[in-house]
């Protein structure tokens, strides 16, 4: 597979990166802000199962770490694995959250734009929750 087109969707949050990470990395909190997981996540062994707009998917998260890495792999019902790079880093007295959206081989430009917009909407929800 060749290198895919990518867009980094990012947003600043007026909380320390550690506070953002502590909340955002917990799968139990993700249905509060990640609309693709709106029906919740159920733990099954070393991964989580979500039922939502994308169907039933399996999600495997990076181990908690001191670097703000919240990467996760989503396995679709079709067997397609999508590796999502998700980070939180210091930004002044606050934090910057960054999610890399990849244009998958079967995606057209409009789907890619919609995915990027969807991620931004979710990051704005996370920001609102944390800054409330």
N, C-alpha and C. Protein backbone atom coordinates (compact mmCIF):
# COMPACT_ATOMS: atom_id res chain seq x y z
N UNK A 1 0.84 -1.17 0.00
CA UNK A 1 0.00 0.00 0.00
C UNK A 1 0.89 1.23 0.00
N UNK A 2 0.52 2.22 -0.80
CA UNK A 2 1.31 3.45 -0.86
C UNK A 2 0.91 4.39 0.28
N UNK A 3 1.64 5.46 0.40
CA UNK A 3 1.36 6.47 1.42
C UNK A 3 0.01 7.12 1.09
N UNK A 4 -0.83 7.23 2.09
CA UNK A 4 -2.16 7.80 1.90
C UNK A 4 -2.13 9.30 2.19
N UNK A 5 -3.05 10.02 1.59
CA UNK A 5 -3.23 11.42 1.92
C UNK A 5 -3.66 11.49 3.38
N UNK A 6 -3.20 12.50 4.09
CA UNK A 6 -3.53 12.64 5.51
C UNK A 6 -3.84 14.09 5.84
N UNK A 7 -4.65 14.27 6.86
CA UNK A 7 -4.93 15.60 7.40
C UNK A 7 -4.89 15.49 8.91
N UNK A 8 -4.13 16.39 9.53
CA UNK A 8 -4.08 16.42 11.00
C UNK A 8 -5.11 17.44 11.47
N UNK A 9 -6.10 16.91 12.20
CA UNK A 9 -7.15 17.75 12.77
C UNK A 9 -6.72 18.05 14.20
N UNK A 10 -6.66 19.33 14.56
CA UNK A 10 -6.14 19.66 15.89
C UNK A 10 -6.93 20.81 16.50
N UNK A 11 -6.81 20.91 17.82
CA UNK A 11 -7.56 21.92 18.56
C UNK A 11 -6.87 22.16 19.90
N UNK A 12 -6.82 23.40 20.32
CA UNK A 12 -6.27 23.74 21.63
C UNK A 12 -7.32 23.60 22.71
N UNK A 13 -6.89 23.20 23.91
CA UNK A 13 -7.79 23.06 25.06
C UNK A 13 -7.14 23.75 26.25
N UNK A 14 -7.92 24.53 26.97
CA UNK A 14 -7.42 25.28 28.14
C UNK A 14 -7.40 24.39 29.38
N UNK A 15 -6.69 23.30 29.31
CA UNK A 15 -6.40 22.40 30.43
C UNK A 15 -4.99 21.88 30.18
N UNK A 16 -4.31 21.44 31.23
CA UNK A 16 -2.97 20.89 31.02
C UNK A 16 -3.07 19.64 30.15
N UNK A 17 -1.97 19.33 29.48
CA UNK A 17 -2.00 18.14 28.63
C UNK A 17 -2.24 16.90 29.47
N UNK A 18 -1.76 16.89 30.71
CA UNK A 18 -1.95 15.72 31.57
C UNK A 18 -3.44 15.54 31.91
N UNK A 19 -4.15 16.65 32.17
CA UNK A 19 -5.58 16.56 32.46
C UNK A 19 -6.36 16.07 31.24
N UNK A 20 -6.01 16.59 30.08
CA UNK A 20 -6.67 16.18 28.84
C UNK A 20 -6.42 14.70 28.60
N UNK A 21 -5.17 14.29 28.72
CA UNK A 21 -4.82 12.89 28.49
C UNK A 21 -5.55 11.97 29.47
N UNK A 22 -5.55 12.33 30.76
CA UNK A 22 -6.17 11.48 31.79
C UNK A 22 -7.64 11.23 31.48
N UNK A 23 -8.33 12.22 30.93
CA UNK A 23 -9.74 12.05 30.59
C UNK A 23 -9.91 11.35 29.25
N UNK A 24 -9.21 11.83 28.23
CA UNK A 24 -9.44 11.38 26.85
C UNK A 24 -8.96 9.96 26.60
N UNK A 25 -7.96 9.48 27.33
CA UNK A 25 -7.42 8.15 27.03
C UNK A 25 -8.27 7.02 27.62
N UNK A 26 -9.22 7.34 28.46
CA UNK A 26 -10.04 6.31 29.11
C UNK A 26 -11.19 5.90 28.20
N UNK A 27 -11.20 4.65 27.74
CA UNK A 27 -12.29 4.19 26.87
C UNK A 27 -13.68 4.44 27.46
N UNK A 28 -13.80 4.39 28.77
CA UNK A 28 -15.09 4.60 29.42
C UNK A 28 -15.62 6.02 29.19
N UNK A 29 -14.73 6.99 28.96
CA UNK A 29 -15.14 8.38 28.74
C UNK A 29 -15.44 8.69 27.27
N UNK A 30 -14.95 7.87 26.37
CA UNK A 30 -15.04 8.20 24.94
C UNK A 30 -16.47 8.37 24.42
N UNK A 31 -17.45 7.59 24.89
CA UNK A 31 -18.81 7.83 24.39
C UNK A 31 -19.36 9.22 24.72
N UNK A 32 -18.74 9.91 25.69
CA UNK A 32 -19.18 11.25 26.05
C UNK A 32 -18.80 12.29 25.00
N UNK A 33 -17.78 11.97 24.18
CA UNK A 33 -17.32 12.96 23.20
C UNK A 33 -17.04 12.39 21.81
N UNK A 34 -16.82 11.11 21.68
CA UNK A 34 -16.52 10.49 20.38
C UNK A 34 -17.81 9.91 19.81
N UNK A 35 -18.46 10.65 18.91
CA UNK A 35 -19.80 10.29 18.44
C UNK A 35 -19.85 8.94 17.72
N UNK A 36 -18.75 8.48 17.16
CA UNK A 36 -18.74 7.16 16.53
C UNK A 36 -18.85 6.04 17.53
N UNK A 37 -18.66 6.37 18.81
CA UNK A 37 -18.74 5.39 19.88
C UNK A 37 -19.90 5.71 20.82
N UNK A 38 -20.91 6.38 20.27
CA UNK A 38 -21.99 6.92 21.09
C UNK A 38 -22.78 5.86 21.85
N UNK A 39 -22.79 4.63 21.36
CA UNK A 39 -23.50 3.57 22.06
C UNK A 39 -22.64 2.90 23.12
N UNK A 40 -21.42 3.39 23.29
CA UNK A 40 -20.55 2.89 24.34
C UNK A 40 -19.58 1.83 23.87
N UNK A 41 -18.69 1.50 24.76
CA UNK A 41 -17.66 0.49 24.52
C UNK A 41 -17.79 -0.59 25.58
N UNK A 42 -17.63 -1.83 25.17
CA UNK A 42 -17.63 -2.95 26.11
C UNK A 42 -16.29 -3.65 26.01
N UNK A 43 -15.68 -3.90 27.15
CA UNK A 43 -14.38 -4.56 27.16
C UNK A 43 -14.56 -6.05 26.87
N UNK A 44 -13.71 -6.56 25.97
CA UNK A 44 -13.65 -7.99 25.66
C UNK A 44 -12.18 -8.38 25.59
N UNK A 45 -11.64 -8.87 26.68
CA UNK A 45 -10.23 -9.25 26.71
C UNK A 45 -9.33 -8.04 26.57
N UNK A 46 -8.45 -8.06 25.55
CA UNK A 46 -7.49 -6.97 25.37
C UNK A 46 -7.97 -5.90 24.40
N UNK A 47 -9.24 -5.94 24.03
CA UNK A 47 -9.78 -4.92 23.14
C UNK A 47 -11.17 -4.52 23.62
N UNK A 48 -11.77 -3.57 22.93
CA UNK A 48 -13.09 -3.06 23.25
C UNK A 48 -13.98 -3.21 22.03
N UNK A 49 -15.27 -3.41 22.24
CA UNK A 49 -16.23 -3.53 21.15
C UNK A 49 -17.18 -2.34 21.20
N UNK A 50 -17.40 -1.74 20.03
CA UNK A 50 -18.31 -0.60 19.92
C UNK A 50 -19.36 -0.89 18.87
N UNK A 51 -20.56 -0.45 19.16
CA UNK A 51 -21.65 -0.53 18.20
C UNK A 51 -22.11 0.90 17.94
N UNK A 52 -22.06 1.31 16.69
CA UNK A 52 -22.40 2.69 16.37
C UNK A 52 -22.61 2.88 14.89
N UNK A 53 -22.43 4.11 14.41
CA UNK A 53 -22.67 4.43 13.01
C UNK A 53 -21.83 3.60 12.03
N UNK A 54 -20.69 3.10 12.50
CA UNK A 54 -19.81 2.32 11.63
C UNK A 54 -20.09 0.82 11.72
N UNK A 55 -21.14 0.44 12.43
CA UNK A 55 -21.43 -0.98 12.66
C UNK A 55 -20.74 -1.44 13.93
N UNK A 56 -20.51 -2.75 14.02
CA UNK A 56 -19.80 -3.30 15.18
C UNK A 56 -18.31 -3.31 14.86
N UNK A 57 -17.53 -2.62 15.70
CA UNK A 57 -16.09 -2.54 15.48
C UNK A 57 -15.35 -2.96 16.74
N UNK A 58 -14.13 -3.44 16.54
CA UNK A 58 -13.25 -3.78 17.66
C UNK A 58 -12.17 -2.71 17.72
N UNK A 59 -11.89 -2.26 18.94
CA UNK A 59 -10.92 -1.18 19.13
C UNK A 59 -9.85 -1.64 20.10
N UNK A 60 -8.61 -1.46 19.70
CA UNK A 60 -7.46 -1.78 20.56
C UNK A 60 -6.69 -0.48 20.80
N UNK A 61 -6.57 -0.11 22.08
CA UNK A 61 -5.96 1.16 22.45
C UNK A 61 -4.50 0.98 22.87
N UNK A 62 -3.71 2.03 22.65
CA UNK A 62 -2.34 2.06 23.17
C UNK A 62 -2.40 2.00 24.69
N UNK A 63 -1.38 1.40 25.28
CA UNK A 63 -1.27 1.37 26.74
C UNK A 63 -1.15 2.79 27.26
N UNK A 64 -1.65 3.04 28.47
CA UNK A 64 -1.45 4.35 29.08
C UNK A 64 0.04 4.62 29.16
N UNK A 65 0.42 5.89 28.91
CA UNK A 65 1.83 6.23 28.81
C UNK A 65 2.07 7.66 29.27
N UNK A 66 3.33 8.04 29.36
CA UNK A 66 3.71 9.38 29.81
C UNK A 66 3.95 10.35 28.65
N UNK A 67 3.53 9.98 27.45
CA UNK A 67 3.84 10.79 26.28
C UNK A 67 2.61 11.39 25.60
N UNK A 68 1.41 11.12 26.12
CA UNK A 68 0.20 11.67 25.52
C UNK A 68 -0.26 10.93 24.27
N UNK A 69 0.21 9.71 24.08
CA UNK A 69 -0.16 8.92 22.90
C UNK A 69 -1.46 8.17 23.18
N UNK A 70 -2.46 8.41 22.35
CA UNK A 70 -3.76 7.76 22.48
C UNK A 70 -4.11 7.00 21.20
N UNK A 71 -3.10 6.47 20.54
CA UNK A 71 -3.33 5.75 19.30
C UNK A 71 -4.26 4.57 19.54
N UNK A 72 -4.99 4.21 18.50
CA UNK A 72 -5.86 3.04 18.59
C UNK A 72 -6.10 2.47 17.19
N UNK A 73 -6.32 1.17 17.16
CA UNK A 73 -6.62 0.48 15.91
C UNK A 73 -8.07 0.06 15.95
N UNK A 74 -8.80 0.40 14.89
CA UNK A 74 -10.20 0.03 14.77
C UNK A 74 -10.29 -1.05 13.70
N UNK A 75 -10.88 -2.18 14.06
CA UNK A 75 -11.10 -3.26 13.10
C UNK A 75 -12.58 -3.27 12.75
N UNK A 76 -12.86 -3.00 11.47
CA UNK A 76 -14.24 -2.94 10.98
C UNK A 76 -14.80 -4.35 10.80
N UNK A 77 -16.11 -4.43 10.63
CA UNK A 77 -16.76 -5.72 10.40
C UNK A 77 -16.19 -6.42 9.17
N UNK A 78 -15.70 -5.64 8.20
CA UNK A 78 -15.14 -6.20 6.97
C UNK A 78 -13.75 -6.80 7.18
N UNK A 79 -13.15 -6.55 8.35
CA UNK A 79 -11.80 -6.99 8.62
C UNK A 79 -10.75 -5.92 8.39
N UNK A 80 -11.17 -4.78 7.81
CA UNK A 80 -10.25 -3.66 7.58
C UNK A 80 -9.77 -3.11 8.91
N UNK A 81 -8.45 -2.96 9.06
CA UNK A 81 -7.85 -2.33 10.23
C UNK A 81 -7.50 -0.89 9.90
N UNK A 82 -7.97 0.03 10.73
CA UNK A 82 -7.66 1.44 10.55
C UNK A 82 -6.85 1.88 11.76
N UNK A 83 -5.61 2.31 11.51
CA UNK A 83 -4.73 2.76 12.59
C UNK A 83 -4.90 4.26 12.75
N UNK A 84 -5.33 4.67 13.94
CA UNK A 84 -5.60 6.07 14.22
C UNK A 84 -4.53 6.63 15.15
N UNK A 85 -3.81 7.63 14.65
CA UNK A 85 -2.80 8.32 15.46
C UNK A 85 -3.49 9.49 16.16
N UNK A 86 -3.44 9.49 17.48
CA UNK A 86 -4.13 10.49 18.28
C UNK A 86 -3.19 10.90 19.41
N UNK A 87 -2.93 12.20 19.54
CA UNK A 87 -1.95 12.69 20.51
C UNK A 87 -2.50 13.89 21.27
N UNK A 88 -1.98 14.07 22.46
CA UNK A 88 -2.17 15.31 23.20
C UNK A 88 -0.78 15.77 23.63
N UNK A 89 -0.48 17.04 23.39
CA UNK A 89 0.84 17.60 23.71
C UNK A 89 0.66 18.93 24.43
N UNK A 90 1.70 19.36 25.17
CA UNK A 90 1.62 20.67 25.82
C UNK A 90 1.52 21.78 24.77
N UNK A 91 0.74 22.81 25.11
CA UNK A 91 0.63 24.00 24.27
C UNK A 91 0.48 25.17 25.24
N UNK A 92 1.59 25.81 25.59
CA UNK A 92 1.57 26.87 26.59
C UNK A 92 1.10 26.29 27.92
N UNK A 93 0.13 26.95 28.54
CA UNK A 93 -0.41 26.42 29.80
C UNK A 93 -1.52 25.41 29.56
N UNK A 94 -1.86 25.18 28.30
CA UNK A 94 -2.92 24.24 27.94
C UNK A 94 -2.39 23.05 27.18
N UNK A 95 -3.22 22.56 26.27
CA UNK A 95 -2.88 21.36 25.50
C UNK A 95 -3.35 21.51 24.06
N UNK A 96 -2.72 20.76 23.19
CA UNK A 96 -3.15 20.64 21.80
C UNK A 96 -3.47 19.16 21.57
N UNK A 97 -4.67 18.88 21.06
CA UNK A 97 -5.03 17.51 20.70
C UNK A 97 -4.97 17.41 19.19
N UNK A 98 -4.42 16.28 18.72
CA UNK A 98 -4.19 16.10 17.28
C UNK A 98 -4.59 14.69 16.87
N UNK A 99 -5.42 14.61 15.86
CA UNK A 99 -5.86 13.33 15.32
C UNK A 99 -5.53 13.30 13.84
N UNK A 100 -4.82 12.28 13.39
CA UNK A 100 -4.45 12.17 11.98
C UNK A 100 -5.53 11.38 11.25
N UNK A 101 -6.19 12.03 10.31
CA UNK A 101 -7.22 11.39 9.48
C UNK A 101 -6.55 10.94 8.19
N UNK A 102 -6.66 9.66 7.88
CA UNK A 102 -6.08 9.11 6.65
C UNK A 102 -7.17 8.92 5.60
N UNK A 103 -6.84 9.24 4.37
CA UNK A 103 -7.76 8.99 3.26
C UNK A 103 -7.54 7.55 2.81
N UNK A 104 -8.45 6.69 3.20
CA UNK A 104 -8.34 5.26 2.89
C UNK A 104 -8.49 5.05 1.38
N UNK A 105 -7.96 3.94 0.86
CA UNK A 105 -7.96 3.72 -0.59
C UNK A 105 -9.34 3.79 -1.26
N UNK A 106 -10.39 3.39 -0.57
CA UNK A 106 -11.72 3.39 -1.20
C UNK A 106 -12.50 4.68 -0.94
N UNK A 107 -11.86 5.68 -0.37
CA UNK A 107 -12.52 6.94 0.00
C UNK A 107 -12.39 7.96 -1.12
N UNK A 108 -13.50 8.66 -1.39
CA UNK A 108 -13.39 9.79 -2.32
C UNK A 108 -13.11 11.06 -1.51
N UNK A 109 -12.89 12.16 -2.21
CA UNK A 109 -12.54 13.42 -1.54
C UNK A 109 -13.62 13.88 -0.58
N UNK A 110 -14.88 13.69 -0.96
CA UNK A 110 -16.00 14.12 -0.11
C UNK A 110 -16.05 13.30 1.19
N UNK A 111 -15.84 11.99 1.10
CA UNK A 111 -15.82 11.15 2.31
C UNK A 111 -14.66 11.56 3.22
N UNK A 112 -13.52 11.85 2.63
CA UNK A 112 -12.35 12.27 3.40
C UNK A 112 -12.65 13.58 4.13
N UNK A 113 -13.28 14.52 3.45
CA UNK A 113 -13.65 15.79 4.06
C UNK A 113 -14.64 15.56 5.20
N UNK A 114 -15.64 14.69 4.96
CA UNK A 114 -16.63 14.40 6.00
C UNK A 114 -15.98 13.76 7.22
N UNK A 115 -15.04 12.83 7.01
CA UNK A 115 -14.34 12.21 8.14
C UNK A 115 -13.57 13.26 8.95
N UNK A 116 -12.88 14.15 8.25
CA UNK A 116 -12.12 15.21 8.93
C UNK A 116 -13.05 16.12 9.72
N UNK A 117 -14.19 16.48 9.12
CA UNK A 117 -15.17 17.33 9.80
C UNK A 117 -15.74 16.62 11.03
N UNK A 118 -15.98 15.32 10.92
CA UNK A 118 -16.53 14.53 12.02
C UNK A 118 -15.53 14.53 13.19
N UNK A 119 -14.26 14.32 12.88
CA UNK A 119 -13.23 14.32 13.92
C UNK A 119 -13.18 15.69 14.60
N UNK A 120 -13.22 16.77 13.82
CA UNK A 120 -13.19 18.11 14.41
C UNK A 120 -14.39 18.33 15.33
N UNK A 121 -15.56 17.89 14.91
CA UNK A 121 -16.76 18.02 15.75
C UNK A 121 -16.55 17.29 17.08
N UNK A 122 -16.01 16.07 17.03
CA UNK A 122 -15.76 15.31 18.25
C UNK A 122 -14.71 15.99 19.13
N UNK A 123 -13.66 16.53 18.53
CA UNK A 123 -12.64 17.22 19.33
C UNK A 123 -13.22 18.47 19.98
N UNK A 124 -14.13 19.16 19.29
CA UNK A 124 -14.79 20.32 19.89
C UNK A 124 -15.66 19.91 21.07
N UNK A 125 -16.30 18.75 20.98
CA UNK A 125 -17.09 18.23 22.10
C UNK A 125 -16.19 17.91 23.28
N UNK A 126 -15.04 17.29 23.01
CA UNK A 126 -14.07 17.00 24.08
C UNK A 126 -13.61 18.29 24.74
N UNK A 127 -13.30 19.29 23.94
CA UNK A 127 -12.87 20.60 24.46
C UNK A 127 -13.95 21.19 25.36
N UNK A 128 -15.19 21.17 24.91
CA UNK A 128 -16.29 21.75 25.70
C UNK A 128 -16.46 21.02 27.03
N UNK A 129 -16.35 19.69 27.01
CA UNK A 129 -16.45 18.91 28.24
C UNK A 129 -15.36 19.28 29.24
N UNK A 130 -14.14 19.37 28.74
CA UNK A 130 -13.00 19.62 29.63
C UNK A 130 -12.93 21.06 30.12
N UNK A 131 -13.41 22.00 29.33
CA UNK A 131 -13.33 23.40 29.73
C UNK A 131 -14.55 23.87 30.51
N UNK A 132 -15.57 23.01 30.64
CA UNK A 132 -16.82 23.40 31.35
C UNK A 132 -16.54 23.60 32.83
